[in-house]
Amino acid sequence: MTNVTSSLLLAVILLNFFILGTSRLGACIRVVALQGALLSLLPLFLYGVNIHSLLLSAGALLLKGWIIPWLLFRAIRQVKIRREIEPRIGYITSLMLGALTTAIAFIFADRLPLQPEHMQSLFIPAALSTLAAGFLMLITRRKAITQVLGYLIFENGIFIFGVLLTEAMPLMVETGVLLDLLVAIFVMGIVMNHINREYSSINTEHLCLLKE
């Protein structure tokens, strides 16, 4: 693994902490977009420039770095919110949990029976810690849009795992994963729109009030 790849993965891990520690939705969306853009470069640095890696990188950059952030910015403009108010777990606690799960990810990855080329690499720790950060966002935030961001971070962790298998995975499968992500964002956008229209808020706790 090159120094550039290690630097990209380290930056992804550090961005997880920024996302867990801020309440500003605009900043969160920009950082998630930056994280996705950095991850889109991994196939090129790991496998070199070829048609397969170019298509995967271009698709990831287009969706993660531009289309999805644009949709999210459009959503927060429509619902007129700027910050996550009163999360279930405070930001300091979220950062502490993020640091704990990252440490556990490094310890767990060090004990896995990996291939020699993946030993002492940051791929597995970065993937596990990013999955944990996304899961923390999903369970600790009240706003639907921040939970969407948690889903995106969670998918970024899955993407890191997928990059390790990109030579073995058919291109159609990888494209299907990216398209599933885009469909999920559209579904969450519809949910946020209906919650806001009915309750003048996108607090997901209002979902328990919905009736058939």
N, C-alpha and C. Protein backbone atom coordinates (compact mmCIF):
# COMPACT_ATOMS: atom_id res chain seq x y z
N MET A 1 0.84 -1.19 0.00
CA MET A 1 0.00 0.00 0.00
C MET A 1 0.88 1.24 0.00
N THR A 2 0.58 2.18 -0.88
CA THR A 2 1.39 3.37 -1.02
C THR A 2 1.13 4.34 0.12
N ASN A 3 2.06 5.27 0.27
CA ASN A 3 1.89 6.31 1.29
C ASN A 3 0.67 7.18 1.00
N VAL A 4 0.37 7.38 -0.28
CA VAL A 4 -0.80 8.18 -0.64
C VAL A 4 -2.08 7.49 -0.17
N THR A 5 -2.18 6.19 -0.38
CA THR A 5 -3.35 5.44 0.06
C THR A 5 -3.49 5.49 1.57
N SER A 6 -2.39 5.34 2.28
CA SER A 6 -2.42 5.43 3.75
C SER A 6 -2.90 6.80 4.20
N SER A 7 -2.43 7.84 3.51
CA SER A 7 -2.84 9.20 3.86
C SER A 7 -4.33 9.42 3.62
N LEU A 8 -4.85 8.86 2.52
CA LEU A 8 -6.28 8.98 2.23
C LEU A 8 -7.12 8.31 3.31
N LEU A 9 -6.72 7.11 3.71
CA LEU A 9 -7.47 6.39 4.73
C LEU A 9 -7.37 7.08 6.09
N LEU A 10 -6.22 7.62 6.41
CA LEU A 10 -6.07 8.36 7.66
C LEU A 10 -6.95 9.60 7.66
N ALA A 11 -7.02 10.29 6.52
CA ALA A 11 -7.89 11.46 6.41
C ALA A 11 -9.35 11.08 6.59
N VAL A 12 -9.75 9.93 6.05
CA VAL A 12 -11.13 9.45 6.22
C VAL A 12 -11.44 9.23 7.69
N ILE A 13 -10.51 8.62 8.43
CA ILE A 13 -10.71 8.37 9.85
C ILE A 13 -10.85 9.69 10.61
N LEU A 14 -10.00 10.67 10.30
CA LEU A 14 -10.05 11.96 10.98
C LEU A 14 -11.36 12.70 10.67
N LEU A 15 -11.84 12.57 9.44
CA LEU A 15 -13.10 13.22 9.08
C LEU A 15 -14.27 12.63 9.85
N ASN A 16 -14.18 11.35 10.21
CA ASN A 16 -15.23 10.75 11.04
C ASN A 16 -15.40 11.51 12.35
N PHE A 17 -14.28 11.90 12.95
CA PHE A 17 -14.34 12.62 14.23
C PHE A 17 -14.96 14.01 14.05
N PHE A 18 -14.63 14.67 12.95
CA PHE A 18 -15.22 15.99 12.70
C PHE A 18 -16.73 15.87 12.59
N ILE A 19 -17.20 14.87 11.86
CA ILE A 19 -18.64 14.70 11.66
C ILE A 19 -19.35 14.40 12.98
N LEU A 20 -18.73 13.58 13.82
CA LEU A 20 -19.34 13.23 15.10
C LEU A 20 -19.37 14.41 16.06
N GLY A 21 -18.49 15.39 15.87
CA GLY A 21 -18.36 16.46 16.84
C GLY A 21 -18.97 17.78 16.45
N THR A 22 -19.66 17.87 15.31
CA THR A 22 -20.25 19.15 14.89
C THR A 22 -21.75 19.03 14.74
N SER A 23 -22.43 20.14 15.00
CA SER A 23 -23.89 20.19 14.84
C SER A 23 -24.30 20.89 13.55
N ARG A 24 -23.35 21.47 12.83
CA ARG A 24 -23.66 22.25 11.62
C ARG A 24 -23.90 21.30 10.45
N LEU A 25 -25.12 21.30 9.95
CA LEU A 25 -25.49 20.36 8.89
C LEU A 25 -24.74 20.65 7.59
N GLY A 26 -24.57 21.93 7.27
CA GLY A 26 -23.84 22.26 6.04
C GLY A 26 -22.42 21.74 6.08
N ALA A 27 -21.75 21.91 7.22
CA ALA A 27 -20.38 21.42 7.37
C ALA A 27 -20.35 19.90 7.29
N CYS A 28 -21.33 19.25 7.91
CA CYS A 28 -21.38 17.77 7.86
C CYS A 28 -21.52 17.27 6.43
N ILE A 29 -22.39 17.92 5.66
CA ILE A 29 -22.60 17.49 4.27
C ILE A 29 -21.31 17.68 3.47
N ARG A 30 -20.65 18.81 3.66
CA ARG A 30 -19.39 19.06 2.93
C ARG A 30 -18.32 18.04 3.30
N VAL A 31 -18.23 17.70 4.58
CA VAL A 31 -17.22 16.74 5.01
C VAL A 31 -17.54 15.34 4.50
N VAL A 32 -18.81 14.95 4.52
CA VAL A 32 -19.19 13.65 3.96
C VAL A 32 -18.89 13.61 2.47
N ALA A 33 -19.13 14.73 1.76
CA ALA A 33 -18.80 14.80 0.34
C ALA A 33 -17.29 14.68 0.13
N LEU A 34 -16.51 15.35 0.98
CA LEU A 34 -15.05 15.25 0.88
C LEU A 34 -14.59 13.83 1.17
N GLN A 35 -15.19 13.20 2.17
CA GLN A 35 -14.84 11.82 2.49
C GLN A 35 -15.12 10.89 1.31
N GLY A 36 -16.28 11.07 0.69
CA GLY A 36 -16.61 10.26 -0.48
C GLY A 36 -15.67 10.51 -1.64
N ALA A 37 -15.28 11.77 -1.84
CA ALA A 37 -14.34 12.10 -2.92
C ALA A 37 -12.98 11.46 -2.68
N LEU A 38 -12.51 11.48 -1.43
CA LEU A 38 -11.23 10.84 -1.11
C LEU A 38 -11.30 9.33 -1.34
N LEU A 39 -12.41 8.73 -0.94
CA LEU A 39 -12.54 7.27 -1.12
C LEU A 39 -12.61 6.90 -2.59
N SER A 40 -13.16 7.79 -3.41
CA SER A 40 -13.26 7.48 -4.84
C SER A 40 -11.89 7.37 -5.50
N LEU A 41 -10.85 7.90 -4.86
CA LEU A 41 -9.50 7.82 -5.41
C LEU A 41 -8.79 6.51 -5.07
N LEU A 42 -9.31 5.78 -4.10
CA LEU A 42 -8.64 4.57 -3.63
C LEU A 42 -8.41 3.54 -4.74
N PRO A 43 -9.43 3.22 -5.58
CA PRO A 43 -9.18 2.22 -6.63
C PRO A 43 -8.03 2.59 -7.56
N LEU A 44 -7.89 3.87 -7.87
CA LEU A 44 -6.83 4.30 -8.78
C LEU A 44 -5.44 4.10 -8.16
N PHE A 45 -5.30 4.45 -6.88
CA PHE A 45 -4.00 4.31 -6.23
C PHE A 45 -3.69 2.86 -5.87
N LEU A 46 -4.75 2.07 -5.64
CA LEU A 46 -4.52 0.69 -5.22
C LEU A 46 -4.27 -0.24 -6.41
N TYR A 47 -5.01 -0.05 -7.51
CA TYR A 47 -4.93 -0.97 -8.64
C TYR A 47 -4.38 -0.34 -9.91
N GLY A 48 -4.06 0.95 -9.87
CA GLY A 48 -3.55 1.61 -11.06
C GLY A 48 -4.68 2.10 -11.95
N VAL A 49 -4.30 2.78 -13.01
CA VAL A 49 -5.28 3.36 -13.94
C VAL A 49 -5.66 2.33 -14.99
N ASN A 50 -6.88 1.84 -14.92
CA ASN A 50 -7.45 0.95 -15.93
C ASN A 50 -8.93 1.25 -16.04
N ILE A 51 -9.59 0.63 -17.00
CA ILE A 51 -11.00 0.95 -17.26
C ILE A 51 -11.85 0.65 -16.04
N HIS A 52 -11.60 -0.51 -15.40
CA HIS A 52 -12.40 -0.92 -14.25
C HIS A 52 -12.28 0.09 -13.11
N SER A 53 -11.06 0.42 -12.72
CA SER A 53 -10.87 1.34 -11.60
C SER A 53 -11.33 2.75 -11.95
N LEU A 54 -11.15 3.16 -13.22
CA LEU A 54 -11.60 4.48 -13.64
C LEU A 54 -13.12 4.62 -13.54
N LEU A 55 -13.85 3.59 -14.00
CA LEU A 55 -15.31 3.63 -13.93
C LEU A 55 -15.80 3.63 -12.49
N LEU A 56 -15.17 2.80 -11.65
CA LEU A 56 -15.57 2.75 -10.25
C LEU A 56 -15.29 4.08 -9.56
N SER A 57 -14.12 4.65 -9.81
CA SER A 57 -13.76 5.92 -9.18
C SER A 57 -14.66 7.06 -9.67
N ALA A 58 -14.93 7.08 -10.97
CA ALA A 58 -15.77 8.14 -11.53
C ALA A 58 -17.19 8.05 -10.99
N GLY A 59 -17.73 6.82 -10.91
CA GLY A 59 -19.08 6.65 -10.38
C GLY A 59 -19.17 7.05 -8.92
N ALA A 60 -18.18 6.66 -8.13
CA ALA A 60 -18.18 7.01 -6.71
C ALA A 60 -18.04 8.51 -6.52
N LEU A 61 -17.15 9.14 -7.30
CA LEU A 61 -16.94 10.58 -7.18
C LEU A 61 -18.20 11.34 -7.57
N LEU A 62 -18.86 10.90 -8.64
CA LEU A 62 -20.06 11.58 -9.12
C LEU A 62 -21.18 11.52 -8.08
N LEU A 63 -21.40 10.31 -7.52
CA LEU A 63 -22.49 10.14 -6.57
C LEU A 63 -22.14 10.69 -5.19
N LYS A 64 -21.00 10.26 -4.65
CA LYS A 64 -20.63 10.62 -3.29
C LYS A 64 -20.15 12.06 -3.16
N GLY A 65 -19.46 12.55 -4.19
CA GLY A 65 -18.86 13.87 -4.09
C GLY A 65 -19.69 15.01 -4.64
N TRP A 66 -20.73 14.69 -5.46
CA TRP A 66 -21.48 15.78 -6.07
C TRP A 66 -22.99 15.60 -5.99
N ILE A 67 -23.54 14.53 -6.57
CA ILE A 67 -25.00 14.40 -6.69
C ILE A 67 -25.67 14.33 -5.32
N ILE A 68 -25.21 13.40 -4.46
CA ILE A 68 -25.86 13.24 -3.16
C ILE A 68 -25.69 14.48 -2.28
N PRO A 69 -24.49 15.08 -2.18
CA PRO A 69 -24.39 16.34 -1.41
C PRO A 69 -25.30 17.44 -1.94
N TRP A 70 -25.43 17.55 -3.27
CA TRP A 70 -26.33 18.55 -3.86
C TRP A 70 -27.77 18.30 -3.43
N LEU A 71 -28.21 17.04 -3.43
CA LEU A 71 -29.56 16.71 -2.99
C LEU A 71 -29.77 17.06 -1.52
N LEU A 72 -28.75 16.79 -0.70
CA LEU A 72 -28.87 17.07 0.73
C LEU A 72 -28.90 18.57 1.01
N PHE A 73 -28.07 19.34 0.30
CA PHE A 73 -28.11 20.80 0.46
C PHE A 73 -29.48 21.35 0.02
N ARG A 74 -30.02 20.79 -1.02
CA ARG A 74 -31.35 21.21 -1.47
C ARG A 74 -32.39 20.89 -0.41
N ALA A 75 -32.24 19.74 0.25
CA ALA A 75 -33.20 19.35 1.29
C ALA A 75 -33.15 20.29 2.48
N ILE A 76 -31.94 20.67 2.95
CA ILE A 76 -31.88 21.54 4.12
C ILE A 76 -32.33 22.96 3.79
N ARG A 77 -32.20 23.36 2.53
CA ARG A 77 -32.74 24.67 2.14
C ARG A 77 -34.27 24.65 2.17
N GLN A 78 -34.85 23.54 1.75
CA GLN A 78 -36.31 23.46 1.72
C GLN A 78 -36.92 23.39 3.11
N VAL A 79 -36.28 22.66 4.01
CA VAL A 79 -36.83 22.52 5.36
C VAL A 79 -36.31 23.59 6.31
N LYS A 80 -35.35 24.41 5.83
CA LYS A 80 -34.85 25.56 6.58
C LYS A 80 -34.29 25.19 7.95
N ILE A 81 -33.37 24.24 7.97
CA ILE A 81 -32.66 23.91 9.20
C ILE A 81 -31.17 24.04 8.95
N ARG A 82 -30.43 24.35 10.00
CA ARG A 82 -28.99 24.54 9.88
C ARG A 82 -28.21 23.68 10.87
N ARG A 83 -28.86 23.28 11.97
CA ARG A 83 -28.13 22.55 13.01
C ARG A 83 -28.95 21.37 13.52
N GLU A 84 -28.25 20.38 14.03
CA GLU A 84 -28.88 19.27 14.76
C GLU A 84 -29.08 19.73 16.19
N ILE A 85 -30.35 19.77 16.63
CA ILE A 85 -30.68 20.26 17.97
C ILE A 85 -30.92 19.08 18.90
N GLU A 86 -30.27 19.10 20.05
CA GLU A 86 -30.47 18.12 21.11
C GLU A 86 -30.36 16.68 20.60
N PRO A 87 -29.18 16.26 20.20
CA PRO A 87 -29.01 14.85 19.83
C PRO A 87 -29.23 13.94 21.04
N ARG A 88 -29.50 12.67 20.78
CA ARG A 88 -29.74 11.74 21.87
C ARG A 88 -28.51 11.59 22.76
N ILE A 89 -27.33 11.68 22.17
CA ILE A 89 -26.07 11.63 22.90
C ILE A 89 -25.27 12.87 22.54
N GLY A 90 -24.70 13.55 23.54
CA GLY A 90 -23.97 14.78 23.30
C GLY A 90 -22.77 14.59 22.39
N TYR A 91 -22.26 15.72 21.88
CA TYR A 91 -21.18 15.66 20.91
C TYR A 91 -19.86 15.19 21.54
N ILE A 92 -19.61 15.59 22.78
CA ILE A 92 -18.40 15.13 23.45
C ILE A 92 -18.46 13.62 23.66
N THR A 93 -19.61 13.13 24.10
CA THR A 93 -19.78 11.69 24.28
C THR A 93 -19.66 10.95 22.96
N SER A 94 -20.21 11.54 21.90
CA SER A 94 -20.10 10.92 20.57
C SER A 94 -18.64 10.81 20.14
N LEU A 95 -17.86 11.88 20.40
CA LEU A 95 -16.44 11.85 20.07
C LEU A 95 -15.70 10.78 20.87
N MET A 96 -16.04 10.66 22.15
CA MET A 96 -15.39 9.65 22.98
C MET A 96 -15.73 8.24 22.50
N LEU A 97 -17.00 8.03 22.14
CA LEU A 97 -17.40 6.73 21.60
C LEU A 97 -16.71 6.47 20.26
N GLY A 98 -16.58 7.52 19.45
CA GLY A 98 -15.88 7.37 18.18
C GLY A 98 -14.43 6.99 18.38
N ALA A 99 -13.77 7.62 19.34
CA ALA A 99 -12.38 7.28 19.63
C ALA A 99 -12.26 5.84 20.14
N LEU A 100 -13.21 5.44 20.99
CA LEU A 100 -13.19 4.07 21.53
C LEU A 100 -13.38 3.04 20.43
N THR A 101 -14.36 3.26 19.55
CA THR A 101 -14.62 2.29 18.48
C THR A 101 -13.46 2.26 17.48
N THR A 102 -12.81 3.41 17.26
CA THR A 102 -11.65 3.42 16.36
C THR A 102 -10.50 2.61 16.95
N ALA A 103 -10.27 2.78 18.25
CA ALA A 103 -9.22 1.99 18.91
C ALA A 103 -9.53 0.51 18.84
N ILE A 104 -10.79 0.15 19.07
CA ILE A 104 -11.20 -1.26 18.99
C ILE A 104 -11.02 -1.78 17.57
N ALA A 105 -11.32 -0.94 16.56
CA ALA A 105 -11.16 -1.35 15.16
C ALA A 105 -9.71 -1.69 14.86
N PHE A 106 -8.77 -0.87 15.34
CA PHE A 106 -7.35 -1.14 15.11
C PHE A 106 -6.92 -2.42 15.82
N ILE A 107 -7.39 -2.62 17.04
CA ILE A 107 -7.01 -3.83 17.80
C ILE A 107 -7.58 -5.07 17.12
N PHE A 108 -8.87 -4.99 16.71
CA PHE A 108 -9.51 -6.14 16.07
C PHE A 108 -8.86 -6.46 14.74
N ALA A 109 -8.56 -5.42 13.93
CA ALA A 109 -7.93 -5.65 12.62
C ALA A 109 -6.56 -6.29 12.77
N ASP A 110 -5.86 -5.95 13.85
CA ASP A 110 -4.52 -6.50 14.06
C ASP A 110 -4.56 -7.99 14.36
N ARG A 111 -5.72 -8.48 14.82
CA ARG A 111 -5.84 -9.89 15.18
C ARG A 111 -6.45 -10.75 14.07
N LEU A 112 -6.88 -10.11 12.98
CA LEU A 112 -7.50 -10.86 11.89
C LEU A 112 -6.45 -11.58 11.05
N PRO A 113 -6.77 -12.79 10.54
CA PRO A 113 -5.84 -13.51 9.65
C PRO A 113 -5.90 -12.97 8.22
N LEU A 114 -5.22 -11.87 7.97
CA LEU A 114 -5.29 -11.19 6.68
C LEU A 114 -4.21 -11.70 5.73
N GLN A 115 -4.42 -11.39 4.44
CA GLN A 115 -3.40 -11.68 3.45
C GLN A 115 -2.15 -10.83 3.73
N PRO A 116 -0.96 -11.33 3.36
CA PRO A 116 0.27 -10.58 3.66
C PRO A 116 0.26 -9.15 3.16
N GLU A 117 -0.36 -8.91 1.97
CA GLU A 117 -0.34 -7.56 1.43
C GLU A 117 -1.22 -6.59 2.21
N HIS A 118 -2.15 -7.14 3.03
CA HIS A 118 -3.04 -6.28 3.82
C HIS A 118 -2.62 -6.18 5.28
N MET A 119 -1.59 -6.90 5.67
CA MET A 119 -1.10 -6.80 7.04
C MET A 119 -0.51 -5.41 7.27
N GLN A 120 -0.78 -4.86 8.44
CA GLN A 120 -0.27 -3.54 8.83
C GLN A 120 -0.80 -2.42 7.94
N SER A 121 -1.89 -2.67 7.22
CA SER A 121 -2.49 -1.62 6.39
C SER A 121 -3.63 -0.96 7.16
N LEU A 122 -4.09 0.17 6.64
CA LEU A 122 -5.17 0.90 7.30
C LEU A 122 -6.55 0.57 6.72
N PHE A 123 -6.62 -0.31 5.75
CA PHE A 123 -7.90 -0.58 5.09
C PHE A 123 -8.94 -1.12 6.07
N ILE A 124 -8.61 -2.19 6.78
CA ILE A 124 -9.58 -2.80 7.69
C ILE A 124 -9.90 -1.88 8.85
N PRO A 125 -8.92 -1.28 9.55
CA PRO A 125 -9.27 -0.34 10.62
C PRO A 125 -10.10 0.84 10.14
N ALA A 126 -9.77 1.39 8.97
CA ALA A 126 -10.53 2.52 8.44
C ALA A 126 -11.96 2.11 8.11
N ALA A 127 -12.13 0.93 7.53
CA ALA A 127 -13.47 0.45 7.19
C ALA A 127 -14.30 0.25 8.45
N LEU A 128 -13.73 -0.42 9.45
CA LEU A 128 -14.47 -0.71 10.68
C LEU A 128 -14.80 0.56 11.45
N SER A 129 -13.84 1.47 11.55
CA SER A 129 -14.10 2.71 12.29
C SER A 129 -15.12 3.59 11.57
N THR A 130 -15.12 3.58 10.23
CA THR A 130 -16.10 4.35 9.48
C THR A 130 -17.50 3.74 9.61
N LEU A 131 -17.57 2.41 9.60
CA LEU A 131 -18.86 1.76 9.87
C LEU A 131 -19.39 2.15 11.24
N ALA A 132 -18.51 2.16 12.24
CA ALA A 132 -18.92 2.51 13.60
C ALA A 132 -19.38 3.96 13.69
N ALA A 133 -18.66 4.87 13.00
CA ALA A 133 -19.05 6.28 13.01
C ALA A 133 -20.42 6.47 12.37
N GLY A 134 -20.67 5.79 11.26
CA GLY A 134 -21.97 5.88 10.62
C GLY A 134 -23.08 5.33 11.50
N PHE A 135 -22.81 4.24 12.18
CA PHE A 135 -23.80 3.65 13.08
C PHE A 135 -24.10 4.59 14.24
N LEU A 136 -23.06 5.24 14.78
CA LEU A 136 -23.27 6.21 15.86
C LEU A 136 -24.15 7.37 15.40
N MET A 137 -23.92 7.85 14.18
CA MET A 137 -24.76 8.92 13.66
C MET A 137 -26.21 8.47 13.53
N LEU A 138 -26.41 7.24 13.11
CA LEU A 138 -27.77 6.73 12.92
C LEU A 138 -28.54 6.64 14.22
N ILE A 139 -27.88 6.24 15.29
CA ILE A 139 -28.59 5.97 16.54
C ILE A 139 -28.58 7.14 17.51
N THR A 140 -27.72 8.14 17.28
CA THR A 140 -27.62 9.24 18.25
C THR A 140 -28.21 10.54 17.76
N ARG A 141 -28.56 10.66 16.50
CA ARG A 141 -29.10 11.91 15.97
C ARG A 141 -30.61 11.79 15.79
N ARG A 142 -31.30 12.93 15.98
CA ARG A 142 -32.75 12.95 15.90
C ARG A 142 -33.27 13.36 14.52
N LYS A 143 -32.54 14.23 13.84
CA LYS A 143 -32.99 14.72 12.55
C LYS A 143 -32.82 13.66 11.46
N ALA A 144 -33.82 13.58 10.58
CA ALA A 144 -33.75 12.59 9.51
C ALA A 144 -32.56 12.83 8.60
N ILE A 145 -32.23 14.10 8.36
CA ILE A 145 -31.15 14.39 7.41
C ILE A 145 -29.79 13.98 7.99
N THR A 146 -29.60 14.12 9.31
CA THR A 146 -28.34 13.67 9.90
C THR A 146 -28.27 12.15 9.94
N GLN A 147 -29.42 11.51 10.02
CA GLN A 147 -29.43 10.05 9.93
C GLN A 147 -29.10 9.59 8.51
N VAL A 148 -29.51 10.37 7.52
CA VAL A 148 -29.10 10.09 6.14
C VAL A 148 -27.58 10.19 6.02
N LEU A 149 -27.00 11.21 6.65
CA LEU A 149 -25.55 11.35 6.64
C LEU A 149 -24.89 10.15 7.32
N GLY A 150 -25.49 9.67 8.40
CA GLY A 150 -24.97 8.47 9.06
C GLY A 150 -24.99 7.27 8.13
N TYR A 151 -26.07 7.14 7.36
CA TYR A 151 -26.16 6.04 6.39
C TYR A 151 -25.06 6.17 5.34
N LEU A 152 -24.81 7.40 4.89
CA LEU A 152 -23.76 7.61 3.89
C LEU A 152 -22.38 7.24 4.44
N ILE A 153 -22.11 7.63 5.69
CA ILE A 153 -20.83 7.27 6.30
C ILE A 153 -20.72 5.77 6.45
N PHE A 154 -21.81 5.14 6.86
CA PHE A 154 -21.83 3.68 6.98
C PHE A 154 -21.52 3.03 5.65
N GLU A 155 -22.10 3.56 4.57
CA GLU A 155 -21.84 3.01 3.23
C GLU A 155 -20.40 3.25 2.81
N ASN A 156 -19.81 4.35 3.27
CA ASN A 156 -18.40 4.60 2.96
C ASN A 156 -17.51 3.50 3.55
N GLY A 157 -17.86 3.04 4.75
CA GLY A 157 -17.12 1.93 5.35
C GLY A 157 -17.24 0.66 4.52
N ILE A 158 -18.45 0.40 4.02
CA ILE A 158 -18.65 -0.76 3.16
C ILE A 158 -17.85 -0.61 1.87
N PHE A 159 -17.80 0.62 1.35
CA PHE A 159 -17.06 0.88 0.12
C PHE A 159 -15.57 0.56 0.29
N ILE A 160 -15.01 0.89 1.46
CA ILE A 160 -13.60 0.59 1.71
C ILE A 160 -13.36 -0.91 1.65
N PHE A 161 -14.27 -1.68 2.26
CA PHE A 161 -14.16 -3.13 2.16
C PHE A 161 -14.25 -3.59 0.71
N GLY A 162 -15.19 -2.98 -0.04
CA GLY A 162 -15.38 -3.37 -1.43
C GLY A 162 -14.18 -3.10 -2.30
N VAL A 163 -13.44 -2.02 -1.99
CA VAL A 163 -12.25 -1.70 -2.79
C VAL A 163 -11.23 -2.82 -2.72
N LEU A 164 -11.12 -3.47 -1.56
CA LEU A 164 -10.17 -4.58 -1.43
C LEU A 164 -10.54 -5.75 -2.33
N LEU A 165 -11.83 -5.84 -2.70
CA LEU A 165 -12.30 -6.97 -3.51
C LEU A 165 -12.63 -6.55 -4.94
N THR A 166 -12.20 -5.36 -5.33
CA THR A 166 -12.65 -4.83 -6.61
C THR A 166 -12.22 -5.68 -7.80
N GLU A 167 -11.07 -6.37 -7.69
CA GLU A 167 -10.63 -7.21 -8.80
C GLU A 167 -11.46 -8.48 -8.90
N ALA A 168 -12.05 -8.91 -7.77
CA ALA A 168 -12.84 -10.13 -7.79
C ALA A 168 -14.31 -9.86 -8.03
N MET A 169 -14.77 -8.64 -7.77
CA MET A 169 -16.19 -8.31 -7.91
C MET A 169 -16.50 -7.84 -9.32
N PRO A 170 -17.56 -8.33 -9.92
CA PRO A 170 -17.96 -7.86 -11.25
C PRO A 170 -18.36 -6.38 -11.19
N LEU A 171 -18.14 -5.68 -12.28
CA LEU A 171 -18.46 -4.26 -12.34
C LEU A 171 -19.95 -4.01 -12.11
N MET A 172 -20.81 -4.90 -12.59
CA MET A 172 -22.24 -4.70 -12.42
C MET A 172 -22.63 -4.73 -10.96
N VAL A 173 -21.99 -5.57 -10.16
CA VAL A 173 -22.29 -5.62 -8.73
C VAL A 173 -21.91 -4.31 -8.06
N GLU A 174 -20.73 -3.77 -8.40
CA GLU A 174 -20.29 -2.51 -7.81
C GLU A 174 -21.21 -1.37 -8.23
N THR A 175 -21.62 -1.36 -9.51
CA THR A 175 -22.54 -0.34 -9.97
C THR A 175 -23.88 -0.45 -9.25
N GLY A 176 -24.32 -1.68 -9.02
CA GLY A 176 -25.57 -1.90 -8.30
C GLY A 176 -25.53 -1.36 -6.89
N VAL A 177 -24.39 -1.49 -6.21
CA VAL A 177 -24.25 -0.94 -4.86
C VAL A 177 -24.40 0.57 -4.88
N LEU A 178 -23.75 1.24 -5.83
CA LEU A 178 -23.85 2.69 -5.92
C LEU A 178 -25.27 3.13 -6.26
N LEU A 179 -25.95 2.40 -7.14
CA LEU A 179 -27.32 2.75 -7.49
C LEU A 179 -28.27 2.53 -6.32
N ASP A 180 -28.06 1.47 -5.54
CA ASP A 180 -28.85 1.24 -4.34
C ASP A 180 -28.70 2.40 -3.37
N LEU A 181 -27.48 2.92 -3.25
CA LEU A 181 -27.24 4.07 -2.39
C LEU A 181 -28.02 5.27 -2.86
N LEU A 182 -28.01 5.54 -4.17
CA LEU A 182 -28.72 6.69 -4.71
C LEU A 182 -30.23 6.54 -4.48
N VAL A 183 -30.78 5.34 -4.69
CA VAL A 183 -32.20 5.10 -4.46
C VAL A 183 -32.55 5.33 -2.99
N ALA A 184 -31.68 4.86 -2.09
CA ALA A 184 -31.93 5.05 -0.66
C ALA A 184 -32.00 6.53 -0.30
N ILE A 185 -31.14 7.35 -0.92
CA ILE A 185 -31.16 8.79 -0.65
C ILE A 185 -32.47 9.41 -1.14
N PHE A 186 -32.97 8.99 -2.30
CA PHE A 186 -34.24 9.49 -2.78
C PHE A 186 -35.37 9.12 -1.83
N VAL A 187 -35.36 7.88 -1.34
CA VAL A 187 -36.39 7.44 -0.40
C VAL A 187 -36.35 8.28 0.87
N MET A 188 -35.15 8.50 1.43
CA MET A 188 -35.02 9.31 2.63
C MET A 188 -35.46 10.74 2.37
N GLY A 189 -35.21 11.25 1.16
CA GLY A 189 -35.67 12.59 0.82
C GLY A 189 -37.19 12.69 0.84
N ILE A 190 -37.86 11.66 0.32
CA ILE A 190 -39.32 11.63 0.35
C ILE A 190 -39.83 11.58 1.79
N VAL A 191 -39.17 10.76 2.63
CA VAL A 191 -39.56 10.66 4.04
C VAL A 191 -39.41 12.00 4.74
N MET A 192 -38.27 12.69 4.53
CA MET A 192 -38.05 13.99 5.16
C MET A 192 -39.10 15.00 4.72
N ASN A 193 -39.45 14.97 3.43
CA ASN A 193 -40.43 15.91 2.91
C ASN A 193 -41.79 15.70 3.56
N HIS A 194 -42.21 14.43 3.70
CA HIS A 194 -43.51 14.15 4.30
C HIS A 194 -43.54 14.49 5.78
N ILE A 195 -42.44 14.18 6.50
CA ILE A 195 -42.40 14.52 7.92
C ILE A 195 -42.49 16.03 8.11
N ASN A 196 -41.72 16.77 7.30
CA ASN A 196 -41.72 18.22 7.43
C ASN A 196 -43.07 18.82 7.06
N ARG A 197 -43.72 18.27 6.05
CA ARG A 197 -45.00 18.80 5.61
C ARG A 197 -46.11 18.57 6.63
N GLU A 198 -46.06 17.41 7.29
CA GLU A 198 -47.11 17.06 8.24
C GLU A 198 -46.88 17.66 9.62
N TYR A 199 -45.61 17.79 10.03
CA TYR A 199 -45.32 18.18 11.41
C TYR A 199 -44.48 19.44 11.53
N SER A 200 -44.14 20.09 10.40
CA SER A 200 -43.27 21.27 10.40
C SER A 200 -41.95 21.01 11.10
N SER A 201 -41.48 19.78 11.04
CA SER A 201 -40.22 19.38 11.65
C SER A 201 -39.77 18.10 10.98
N ILE A 202 -38.45 17.83 11.01
CA ILE A 202 -37.95 16.56 10.49
C ILE A 202 -37.33 15.73 11.61
N ASN A 203 -37.84 15.92 12.83
CA ASN A 203 -37.43 15.10 13.96
C ASN A 203 -38.03 13.71 13.78
N THR A 204 -37.22 12.68 13.74
CA THR A 204 -37.70 11.33 13.45
C THR A 204 -38.54 10.76 14.58
N GLU A 205 -38.53 11.39 15.75
CA GLU A 205 -39.38 10.90 16.84
C GLU A 205 -40.85 11.06 16.51
N HIS A 206 -41.17 11.95 15.54
CA HIS A 206 -42.57 12.12 15.12
C HIS A 206 -43.07 10.91 14.35
N LEU A 207 -42.19 10.04 13.91
CA LEU A 207 -42.63 8.86 13.16
C LEU A 207 -43.53 7.97 13.99
N CYS A 208 -43.33 7.97 15.31
CA CYS A 208 -44.17 7.11 16.17
C CYS A 208 -45.61 7.60 16.21
N LEU A 209 -45.86 8.82 15.71
CA LEU A 209 -47.22 9.35 15.71
C LEU A 209 -47.98 9.04 14.42
N LEU A 210 -47.27 8.49 13.43
CA LEU A 210 -47.92 8.23 12.15
C LEU A 210 -48.94 7.10 12.28
N LYS A 211 -50.06 7.26 11.62
CA LYS A 211 -51.13 6.25 11.62
C LYS A 211 -51.36 5.76 10.20
N GLU A 212 -51.91 4.52 10.11
CA GLU A 212 -52.21 3.99 8.78
C GLU A 212 -53.44 4.69 8.23
